[in-house]
Each structure stands twice: as C-alpha cells, then as structure tokens.
C-alpha cells in the first residue's frame, strides 16, 4: 500500500545507502521489497516498492540486502555449548553443503561467521569460524550464505 513508510534499524553505519533495495522477510516468506528513501546513522526510512507488497512486514521482520530467493538464508535454531556447535534451520533440500560459510546477523549487525560441519534433513550443525566464538551467537540470529571470492 503506497505511502506506508517503515523505519528499519539499518542505517549508514551498517552500510545502508539511499535508494538501496532491501527485502523484508518474516515467517519464512518475502513480505515486501523496500526502497531506502532516507538513511540516517543508525536507521533508515523505507517505502514499499510498487507492486511488491505480499503482506505488511511486522515489527521484528528480518531485513536482508540480497534478494532472498537468490541466497541461502535461515536462522540459528539452538546452541550446543557442550559440543561447541550451533544448529541452523538450513536443510539438505535447501542446497546447503558441508564447508559452506554463513554470516550471522542480529538487527542488521554482523555478529560472526559460521562454517557448516554436517547437513541433516532438519537443518545443519555449524561451528564458529575465524574469530567468532559460540557465545557471539543467539537463537534467532539471521544467517546467510557468504560468497567466497
């Protein structure tokens, strides 16, 4: 619906630029494509791109910067501190492969990197990668496959 603005906790500090397109995602579905019309340091104001609204994004909707159907994305489901691993909801049928690197974000801020150890039908086991530690991650953190360049 035209004229509906959304305030996102995604601002210039996080890499947002005016006119960028972002995608509101919730409950495993694309809700709307948004255009950043005003970018401040810690937040931006976005409007729905004409014709892209599926349902109005609710507070807490995940904002992603790549088109979701082109990227593997999911959430941290649980943390097994004893084993030092995390479960994410990316499954075998999503095309996840062992060794895939995932970037984890909370409210648009990068919290760390994970590497997939084991892929199952229900999800994947991952371990923190590089400088990341298991305590950096929380249940519900957004994870997205990172292109290794």
N, C-alpha and C. Protein backbone atom coordinates (compact mmCIF):
# COMPACT_ATOMS: atom_id res chain seq x y z
N UNK A 1 0.84 -1.19 0.00
CA UNK A 1 0.00 0.00 0.00
C UNK A 1 0.87 1.23 0.00
N UNK A 2 0.68 2.07 -0.98
CA UNK A 2 1.54 3.23 -1.20
C UNK A 2 1.49 4.19 -0.02
N UNK A 3 2.60 4.82 0.22
CA UNK A 3 2.65 5.82 1.28
C UNK A 3 2.90 5.23 2.66
N UNK A 4 3.13 3.92 2.76
CA UNK A 4 3.44 3.33 4.06
C UNK A 4 4.95 3.27 4.22
N UNK A 5 5.46 4.02 5.19
CA UNK A 5 6.90 4.03 5.44
C UNK A 5 7.22 3.12 6.60
N UNK A 6 8.37 2.47 6.53
CA UNK A 6 8.84 1.60 7.60
C UNK A 6 10.17 2.14 8.09
N UNK A 7 10.35 2.11 9.39
CA UNK A 7 11.62 2.51 9.97
C UNK A 7 12.40 1.23 10.27
N UNK A 8 13.61 1.15 9.74
CA UNK A 8 14.45 -0.05 9.88
C UNK A 8 15.65 0.27 10.75
N UNK A 9 16.06 -0.68 11.64
CA UNK A 9 17.31 -0.43 12.37
C UNK A 9 18.46 -0.87 11.48
N UNK A 10 18.56 -0.21 10.36
CA UNK A 10 19.62 -0.48 9.39
C UNK A 10 19.95 0.89 8.83
N UNK A 11 21.11 1.42 9.20
CA UNK A 11 21.46 2.77 8.79
C UNK A 11 22.82 2.85 8.12
N UNK A 12 23.28 4.06 7.95
CA UNK A 12 24.57 4.31 7.29
C UNK A 12 25.72 3.56 7.94
N UNK A 13 25.69 3.43 9.27
CA UNK A 13 26.73 2.70 9.99
C UNK A 13 26.78 1.24 9.57
N UNK A 14 25.66 0.69 9.11
CA UNK A 14 25.56 -0.73 8.74
C UNK A 14 25.76 -0.94 7.25
N UNK A 15 26.03 0.15 6.52
CA UNK A 15 26.25 0.03 5.08
C UNK A 15 25.06 0.44 4.22
N UNK A 16 23.98 0.95 4.85
CA UNK A 16 22.80 1.35 4.09
C UNK A 16 23.11 2.61 3.26
N UNK A 17 22.57 2.64 2.04
CA UNK A 17 22.72 3.83 1.19
C UNK A 17 21.34 4.18 0.64
N UNK A 18 21.11 5.48 0.51
CA UNK A 18 19.83 5.93 -0.03
C UNK A 18 19.60 5.31 -1.40
N UNK A 19 18.38 4.91 -1.66
CA UNK A 19 17.87 4.24 -2.87
C UNK A 19 18.19 2.74 -2.92
N UNK A 20 18.95 2.19 -1.94
CA UNK A 20 19.19 0.74 -1.90
C UNK A 20 17.85 0.02 -1.81
N UNK A 21 17.79 -1.18 -2.38
CA UNK A 21 16.63 -2.04 -2.22
C UNK A 21 16.96 -3.07 -1.14
N UNK A 22 16.02 -3.30 -0.23
CA UNK A 22 16.16 -4.33 0.79
C UNK A 22 14.88 -5.16 0.78
N UNK A 23 14.93 -6.29 1.43
CA UNK A 23 13.81 -7.23 1.39
C UNK A 23 13.36 -7.53 2.80
N UNK A 24 12.07 -7.33 3.07
CA UNK A 24 11.51 -7.64 4.40
C UNK A 24 11.06 -9.09 4.35
N UNK A 25 11.49 -9.86 5.35
CA UNK A 25 11.31 -11.30 5.35
C UNK A 25 10.75 -11.67 6.70
N UNK A 26 9.74 -12.50 6.75
CA UNK A 26 9.19 -12.93 8.04
C UNK A 26 8.45 -14.24 7.89
N UNK A 27 8.59 -15.11 8.87
CA UNK A 27 7.91 -16.39 8.83
C UNK A 27 8.26 -17.22 7.61
N UNK A 28 9.51 -17.08 7.16
CA UNK A 28 9.96 -17.87 6.02
C UNK A 28 9.46 -17.37 4.68
N UNK A 29 8.89 -16.16 4.64
CA UNK A 29 8.35 -15.64 3.38
C UNK A 29 8.79 -14.21 3.14
N UNK A 30 8.92 -13.87 1.86
CA UNK A 30 9.17 -12.48 1.48
C UNK A 30 7.89 -11.69 1.74
N UNK A 31 8.00 -10.60 2.51
CA UNK A 31 6.83 -9.76 2.80
C UNK A 31 6.73 -8.59 1.82
N UNK A 32 7.88 -7.97 1.54
CA UNK A 32 7.86 -6.81 0.64
C UNK A 32 9.28 -6.44 0.23
N UNK A 33 9.36 -5.78 -0.91
CA UNK A 33 10.62 -5.19 -1.34
C UNK A 33 10.54 -3.72 -0.92
N UNK A 34 11.57 -3.22 -0.28
CA UNK A 34 11.56 -1.84 0.23
C UNK A 34 12.71 -1.04 -0.39
N UNK A 35 12.46 0.25 -0.59
CA UNK A 35 13.50 1.16 -1.07
C UNK A 35 13.85 2.11 0.07
N UNK A 36 15.15 2.25 0.34
CA UNK A 36 15.58 3.17 1.41
C UNK A 36 15.48 4.60 0.87
N UNK A 37 14.56 5.37 1.44
CA UNK A 37 14.36 6.74 0.96
C UNK A 37 15.11 7.77 1.80
N UNK A 38 15.40 7.42 3.05
CA UNK A 38 16.14 8.34 3.92
C UNK A 38 17.03 7.48 4.80
N UNK A 39 18.34 7.77 4.79
CA UNK A 39 19.27 6.97 5.58
C UNK A 39 19.94 7.86 6.61
N UNK A 40 19.78 7.50 7.87
CA UNK A 40 20.45 8.18 8.98
C UNK A 40 21.56 7.26 9.47
N UNK A 41 22.28 7.70 10.53
CA UNK A 41 23.39 6.91 11.03
C UNK A 41 22.95 5.51 11.49
N UNK A 42 21.92 5.44 12.34
CA UNK A 42 21.52 4.17 12.95
C UNK A 42 20.21 3.58 12.43
N UNK A 43 19.56 4.27 11.50
CA UNK A 43 18.29 3.75 10.99
C UNK A 43 18.04 4.31 9.60
N UNK A 44 17.04 3.74 8.94
CA UNK A 44 16.63 4.31 7.67
C UNK A 44 15.11 4.24 7.57
N UNK A 45 14.58 5.06 6.68
CA UNK A 45 13.15 5.06 6.41
C UNK A 45 13.00 4.47 5.01
N UNK A 46 12.15 3.43 4.93
CA UNK A 46 11.98 2.73 3.66
C UNK A 46 10.51 2.72 3.27
N UNK A 47 10.27 2.72 1.99
CA UNK A 47 8.92 2.61 1.46
C UNK A 47 8.83 1.38 0.57
N UNK A 48 7.64 0.80 0.52
CA UNK A 48 7.41 -0.40 -0.27
C UNK A 48 7.52 -0.05 -1.75
N UNK A 49 8.25 -0.88 -2.49
CA UNK A 49 8.36 -0.72 -3.94
C UNK A 49 7.01 -1.14 -4.53
N UNK A 50 6.48 -0.32 -5.44
CA UNK A 50 5.15 -0.58 -6.03
C UNK A 50 5.00 -2.03 -6.48
N UNK A 51 3.90 -2.63 -6.10
CA UNK A 51 3.57 -3.97 -6.56
C UNK A 51 4.31 -5.11 -5.87
N UNK A 52 5.16 -4.81 -4.86
CA UNK A 52 5.95 -5.88 -4.27
C UNK A 52 5.42 -6.33 -2.91
N UNK A 53 4.37 -5.65 -2.40
CA UNK A 53 3.88 -5.97 -1.07
C UNK A 53 3.09 -7.28 -1.08
N UNK A 54 3.56 -8.25 -0.30
CA UNK A 54 2.83 -9.50 -0.14
C UNK A 54 1.92 -9.33 1.07
N UNK A 55 2.52 -9.06 2.22
CA UNK A 55 1.78 -8.66 3.42
C UNK A 55 2.66 -7.65 4.13
N UNK A 56 2.05 -6.77 4.89
CA UNK A 56 2.83 -5.74 5.58
C UNK A 56 3.83 -6.39 6.54
N UNK A 57 5.11 -5.99 6.45
CA UNK A 57 6.11 -6.56 7.36
C UNK A 57 5.77 -6.17 8.80
N UNK A 58 5.83 -7.13 9.70
CA UNK A 58 5.55 -6.87 11.12
C UNK A 58 6.83 -6.38 11.79
N UNK A 59 6.66 -5.75 12.96
CA UNK A 59 7.83 -5.37 13.74
C UNK A 59 8.65 -6.63 13.97
N UNK A 60 9.96 -6.51 13.83
CA UNK A 60 10.80 -7.68 14.02
C UNK A 60 11.03 -8.48 12.75
N UNK A 61 10.43 -8.05 11.62
CA UNK A 61 10.69 -8.73 10.35
C UNK A 61 12.18 -8.61 10.04
N UNK A 62 12.72 -9.62 9.43
CA UNK A 62 14.14 -9.62 9.08
C UNK A 62 14.33 -8.82 7.80
N UNK A 63 15.35 -7.97 7.78
CA UNK A 63 15.65 -7.19 6.57
C UNK A 63 16.92 -7.77 5.97
N UNK A 64 16.84 -8.18 4.71
CA UNK A 64 18.02 -8.71 4.04
C UNK A 64 18.37 -7.83 2.86
N UNK A 65 19.66 -7.79 2.52
CA UNK A 65 20.11 -6.87 1.48
C UNK A 65 20.28 -7.54 0.12
N UNK A 66 20.16 -8.88 0.07
CA UNK A 66 20.18 -9.57 -1.22
C UNK A 66 18.81 -10.19 -1.42
N UNK A 67 18.42 -10.35 -2.66
CA UNK A 67 17.11 -10.95 -2.91
C UNK A 67 17.09 -12.37 -2.30
N UNK A 68 16.15 -12.62 -1.38
CA UNK A 68 16.18 -13.87 -0.62
C UNK A 68 16.17 -15.15 -1.45
N UNK A 69 15.49 -15.16 -2.60
CA UNK A 69 15.45 -16.42 -3.35
C UNK A 69 16.77 -16.69 -4.06
N UNK A 70 17.69 -15.74 -4.01
CA UNK A 70 18.98 -15.93 -4.67
C UNK A 70 20.06 -16.29 -3.66
N UNK A 71 19.70 -16.34 -2.40
CA UNK A 71 20.71 -16.57 -1.38
C UNK A 71 20.15 -17.55 -0.35
N UNK A 72 21.01 -18.39 0.18
CA UNK A 72 20.59 -19.31 1.24
C UNK A 72 20.53 -18.52 2.53
N UNK A 73 19.36 -18.50 3.17
CA UNK A 73 19.27 -17.78 4.43
C UNK A 73 18.38 -18.53 5.40
N UNK A 74 18.65 -18.36 6.67
CA UNK A 74 17.88 -19.03 7.71
C UNK A 74 18.15 -18.40 9.06
N UNK A 75 17.97 -19.19 10.10
CA UNK A 75 18.15 -18.68 11.46
C UNK A 75 18.90 -19.69 12.31
N UNK A 76 19.55 -19.17 13.36
CA UNK A 76 20.17 -20.04 14.36
C UNK A 76 19.02 -20.63 15.17
N UNK A 77 18.95 -21.96 15.25
CA UNK A 77 17.86 -22.64 15.96
C UNK A 77 18.24 -22.94 17.40
N UNK A 78 19.47 -23.38 17.63
CA UNK A 78 19.89 -23.65 19.00
C UNK A 78 21.41 -23.71 19.08
N UNK A 79 21.91 -23.59 20.31
CA UNK A 79 23.34 -23.61 20.57
C UNK A 79 23.64 -24.78 21.49
N UNK A 80 24.58 -25.63 21.09
CA UNK A 80 25.03 -26.74 21.93
C UNK A 80 26.41 -26.37 22.47
N UNK A 81 26.40 -25.66 23.62
CA UNK A 81 27.66 -25.15 24.17
C UNK A 81 28.63 -26.27 24.52
N UNK A 82 28.11 -27.41 24.98
CA UNK A 82 28.99 -28.55 25.35
C UNK A 82 29.82 -29.00 24.16
N UNK A 83 29.15 -29.14 23.01
CA UNK A 83 29.86 -29.59 21.80
C UNK A 83 30.49 -28.43 21.03
N UNK A 84 30.13 -27.19 21.40
CA UNK A 84 30.68 -26.03 20.70
C UNK A 84 30.14 -25.86 19.29
N UNK A 85 28.88 -26.29 19.09
CA UNK A 85 28.27 -26.18 17.76
C UNK A 85 26.90 -25.50 17.86
N UNK A 86 26.43 -25.02 16.73
CA UNK A 86 25.12 -24.38 16.63
C UNK A 86 24.32 -25.09 15.55
N UNK A 87 23.01 -25.17 15.77
CA UNK A 87 22.12 -25.71 14.74
C UNK A 87 21.47 -24.53 14.03
N UNK A 88 21.43 -24.60 12.70
CA UNK A 88 20.71 -23.60 11.91
C UNK A 88 19.64 -24.33 11.10
N UNK A 89 18.60 -23.59 10.70
CA UNK A 89 17.47 -24.23 10.03
C UNK A 89 17.64 -24.35 8.51
N UNK A 90 18.87 -24.40 8.03
CA UNK A 90 19.12 -24.63 6.61
C UNK A 90 19.30 -26.13 6.40
N UNK A 91 18.45 -26.73 5.57
CA UNK A 91 18.40 -28.19 5.42
C UNK A 91 19.09 -28.65 4.13
N UNK A 92 19.21 -29.96 4.04
CA UNK A 92 19.76 -30.60 2.86
C UNK A 92 19.05 -30.12 1.59
N UNK A 93 17.70 -30.09 1.64
CA UNK A 93 16.94 -29.73 0.44
C UNK A 93 17.09 -28.25 0.08
N UNK A 94 17.64 -27.44 1.01
CA UNK A 94 17.91 -26.03 0.68
C UNK A 94 19.19 -25.90 -0.15
N UNK A 95 19.94 -27.01 -0.26
CA UNK A 95 21.17 -26.97 -1.05
C UNK A 95 22.40 -26.65 -0.24
N UNK A 96 22.32 -26.78 1.08
CA UNK A 96 23.47 -26.50 1.95
C UNK A 96 24.51 -27.60 1.77
N UNK A 97 25.78 -27.22 1.76
CA UNK A 97 26.87 -28.18 1.63
C UNK A 97 27.83 -28.00 2.82
N UNK A 98 28.46 -29.10 3.21
CA UNK A 98 29.49 -29.06 4.24
C UNK A 98 30.59 -28.09 3.80
N UNK A 99 31.06 -27.27 4.74
CA UNK A 99 32.12 -26.30 4.42
C UNK A 99 31.59 -24.93 4.01
N UNK A 100 30.27 -24.82 3.77
CA UNK A 100 29.67 -23.53 3.41
C UNK A 100 29.85 -22.55 4.56
N UNK A 101 30.22 -21.31 4.23
CA UNK A 101 30.34 -20.27 5.27
C UNK A 101 29.04 -19.48 5.34
N UNK A 102 28.63 -19.20 6.57
CA UNK A 102 27.41 -18.43 6.82
C UNK A 102 27.78 -17.20 7.64
N UNK A 103 27.20 -16.07 7.29
CA UNK A 103 27.37 -14.85 8.08
C UNK A 103 26.14 -14.72 8.96
N UNK A 104 26.35 -14.49 10.25
CA UNK A 104 25.23 -14.34 11.18
C UNK A 104 25.06 -12.86 11.51
N UNK A 105 23.79 -12.40 11.50
CA UNK A 105 23.50 -11.00 11.83
C UNK A 105 22.35 -10.94 12.81
N UNK A 106 22.39 -9.92 13.66
CA UNK A 106 21.29 -9.65 14.59
C UNK A 106 20.97 -8.18 14.40
N UNK A 107 19.71 -7.87 14.09
CA UNK A 107 19.26 -6.49 13.83
C UNK A 107 20.15 -5.81 12.80
N UNK A 108 20.52 -6.57 11.77
CA UNK A 108 21.32 -5.99 10.69
C UNK A 108 22.81 -5.91 10.97
N UNK A 109 23.25 -6.17 12.20
CA UNK A 109 24.67 -6.08 12.55
C UNK A 109 25.30 -7.47 12.46
N UNK A 110 26.46 -7.56 11.83
CA UNK A 110 27.16 -8.85 11.76
C UNK A 110 27.61 -9.25 13.16
N UNK A 111 27.29 -10.49 13.57
CA UNK A 111 27.74 -10.98 14.87
C UNK A 111 28.85 -12.01 14.73
N UNK A 112 29.00 -12.60 13.55
CA UNK A 112 30.07 -13.56 13.36
C UNK A 112 29.87 -14.41 12.13
N UNK A 113 30.79 -15.38 11.96
CA UNK A 113 30.76 -16.27 10.82
C UNK A 113 30.72 -17.71 11.31
N UNK A 114 29.96 -18.53 10.60
CA UNK A 114 29.84 -19.96 10.92
C UNK A 114 30.27 -20.76 9.70
N UNK A 115 30.71 -22.00 9.95
CA UNK A 115 31.00 -22.91 8.84
C UNK A 115 30.19 -24.18 9.08
N UNK A 116 29.55 -24.67 8.01
CA UNK A 116 28.69 -25.86 8.11
C UNK A 116 29.56 -27.11 8.26
N UNK A 117 29.28 -27.89 9.32
CA UNK A 117 30.00 -29.14 9.59
C UNK A 117 29.26 -30.35 9.06
N UNK A 118 27.93 -30.33 9.25
CA UNK A 118 27.13 -31.52 8.99
C UNK A 118 25.75 -31.07 8.52
N UNK A 119 25.26 -31.65 7.43
CA UNK A 119 23.95 -31.28 6.88
C UNK A 119 22.97 -32.43 7.13
N UNK A 120 21.79 -32.09 7.67
CA UNK A 120 20.77 -33.08 8.01
C UNK A 120 19.48 -32.73 7.27
N UNK A 121 18.47 -33.59 7.40
CA UNK A 121 17.19 -33.30 6.78
C UNK A 121 16.45 -32.17 7.52
N UNK A 122 16.71 -31.98 8.82
CA UNK A 122 16.04 -30.95 9.63
C UNK A 122 16.79 -29.63 9.68
N UNK A 123 18.08 -29.63 9.33
CA UNK A 123 18.90 -28.42 9.46
C UNK A 123 20.36 -28.78 9.35
N UNK A 124 21.23 -27.91 9.86
CA UNK A 124 22.68 -28.14 9.77
C UNK A 124 23.36 -27.81 11.09
N UNK A 125 24.42 -28.54 11.37
CA UNK A 125 25.29 -28.21 12.51
C UNK A 125 26.43 -27.35 11.98
N UNK A 126 26.72 -26.28 12.70
CA UNK A 126 27.77 -25.35 12.29
C UNK A 126 28.69 -25.08 13.47
N UNK A 127 29.91 -24.64 13.14
CA UNK A 127 30.80 -24.18 14.21
C UNK A 127 31.24 -22.76 13.90
N UNK A 128 31.55 -21.99 14.96
CA UNK A 128 32.05 -20.63 14.74
C UNK A 128 33.32 -20.68 13.89
N UNK A 129 33.50 -19.69 13.03
CA UNK A 129 34.64 -19.64 12.12
C UNK A 129 35.47 -18.40 12.41
N UNK A 130 36.78 -18.48 12.17
CA UNK A 130 37.66 -17.33 12.35
C UNK A 130 37.69 -16.88 13.80
N UNK A 131 37.46 -15.58 14.03
CA UNK A 131 37.49 -15.02 15.38
C UNK A 131 36.19 -15.20 16.14
N UNK A 132 35.17 -15.76 15.49
CA UNK A 132 33.86 -15.90 16.13
C UNK A 132 33.91 -16.96 17.24
N UNK A 133 33.14 -16.71 18.31
CA UNK A 133 33.03 -17.65 19.42
C UNK A 133 31.57 -18.04 19.57
N UNK A 134 31.32 -19.22 20.14
CA UNK A 134 29.95 -19.72 20.24
C UNK A 134 29.05 -18.74 21.00
N UNK A 135 29.59 -18.05 21.99
CA UNK A 135 28.75 -17.12 22.78
C UNK A 135 28.38 -15.85 22.00
N UNK A 136 28.98 -15.64 20.82
CA UNK A 136 28.62 -14.48 19.98
C UNK A 136 27.23 -14.66 19.35
N UNK A 137 26.76 -15.90 19.28
CA UNK A 137 25.53 -16.20 18.54
C UNK A 137 24.37 -16.45 19.49
N UNK A 138 23.16 -16.07 19.04
CA UNK A 138 21.95 -16.30 19.83
C UNK A 138 20.91 -16.97 18.96
N UNK A 139 20.02 -17.70 19.59
CA UNK A 139 18.89 -18.31 18.88
C UNK A 139 18.12 -17.19 18.18
N UNK A 140 17.78 -17.40 16.93
CA UNK A 140 17.03 -16.39 16.18
C UNK A 140 17.91 -15.48 15.33
N UNK A 141 19.25 -15.52 15.53
CA UNK A 141 20.12 -14.73 14.66
C UNK A 141 19.89 -15.16 13.21
N UNK A 142 19.90 -14.20 12.31
CA UNK A 142 19.71 -14.45 10.89
C UNK A 142 21.04 -14.94 10.32
N UNK A 143 21.02 -16.01 9.52
CA UNK A 143 22.23 -16.48 8.86
C UNK A 143 22.03 -16.48 7.35
N UNK A 144 23.10 -16.17 6.64
CA UNK A 144 23.04 -16.06 5.19
C UNK A 144 24.34 -16.60 4.62
N UNK A 145 24.24 -17.39 3.55
CA UNK A 145 25.44 -17.93 2.90
C UNK A 145 26.30 -16.78 2.38
N UNK A 146 27.60 -16.91 2.54
CA UNK A 146 28.54 -15.89 2.11
C UNK A 146 29.25 -16.41 0.87
N UNK A 147 29.29 -15.59 -0.17
CA UNK A 147 30.03 -15.99 -1.38
C UNK A 147 31.51 -15.91 -1.08
N UNK A 148 32.21 -17.00 -1.29
CA UNK A 148 33.67 -16.98 -1.12
C UNK A 148 34.26 -16.46 -2.42
N UNK A 149 34.92 -15.33 -2.34
CA UNK A 149 35.50 -14.75 -3.56
C UNK A 149 37.01 -14.88 -3.51
